[in-house]
């Protein structure tokens, strides 16, 4: 009798385990089917594939010295590490959780830097401890505590300093605190924090020109001036101390209805390129790889997260801008299809060039990272 009962219990447990695994499998299949890569349109010769998935809220990316891809998030409060992405051995680790909108990630000398709303923290020797990350070290906790545009993209510049933006705490406003609507920078240990550039409403992506080492950055235009105004911006900061117009001027020559009279038109640096209004231009990178054809070398790839309040949605794609010549600033769409028949199934956030020359794109709506490659 006991043997029969034991066998029955064993069978029940086996059934439960199989059922649980089946549920997980079906959930994975269902999630994968949400990634409509067949909708994505690319230039001839290019293809797109899944690099990693099941990464809730995947946002900004950075590469470790050993090839680990680190990924930040926002509302999820988590930081991830992807190993062997794009292969059957792909594995995703959760490096941290319970953080306050840890959007920004940067890597330097074995350490992962993570930007929250009001502080930057650091995980040392992180690639050796992905499964059991160390306690973070607080690098600097003196940033403003406002959550409106408070999430940050961070990156180390050619000068060895960590660049940290502080978005405007509003749609459009003046602030007595000069740190708002700026890009700041500091030493890797958090010392000598200073303002590098002002008049920047909200940048969530920047990079340095591979030859001139000038800082280029995206900036999101203000809302509630109509479907087609003002433009998002791609800006260039060849030196420190420049002002880029916000909240007084937008684009090349659009005065703000409330604040436009408070600054002369020639007192700010206009954008290098006016991007379409409300596309929400976020992460950007200069293409420094060798996989893509020569005409793509040196171009700027921009992740457009997509509009949230435009009558007809726009963005939800990856665009590119030529940057070689002073007069050649052509803008064109590179990859599109995350917006399908007026509905968005995905939202690109950041781009990252891999050592092999392929391009990664993060997607915080589909919780995935894609790899775009080229083959003749």
Foldseek 3Di string as FASTA:
>chain_A
DVVVVVVVVVVVVVVVVVVVVVVVVVVVVVLVVLPPLVLKDFPPQKGKDFFDFPQAQWFDWDAEPVGWIWTFHAPQQWIKTWDRTPDPPIDIFTQDHPAHGFHEWEDDDQKIWTDHLQFIWIFHNCVVARNNTDDIHTQDRHRDNQPQLRHWYWYAAPVQKIKTAAAASDLADDDPPQRYQFIWIAHPSNPPIDTFEHAAHHWQAWDAQPPLSWIKTWGAHGDDPAQFDDFTAIATHSGGDFHAQGPQAGAQGRGDPVRVVVDDSPRHDHGLDGHTHQQQWYYKDQQCADQDDPVRHRKIKTFRQWHDDHPQIDHQAIKIFHDDDSPGGDIDTRMDRCQDPRRGSWGWHYWDQDHNRWIWTQTNNSRGIMTMGGDD
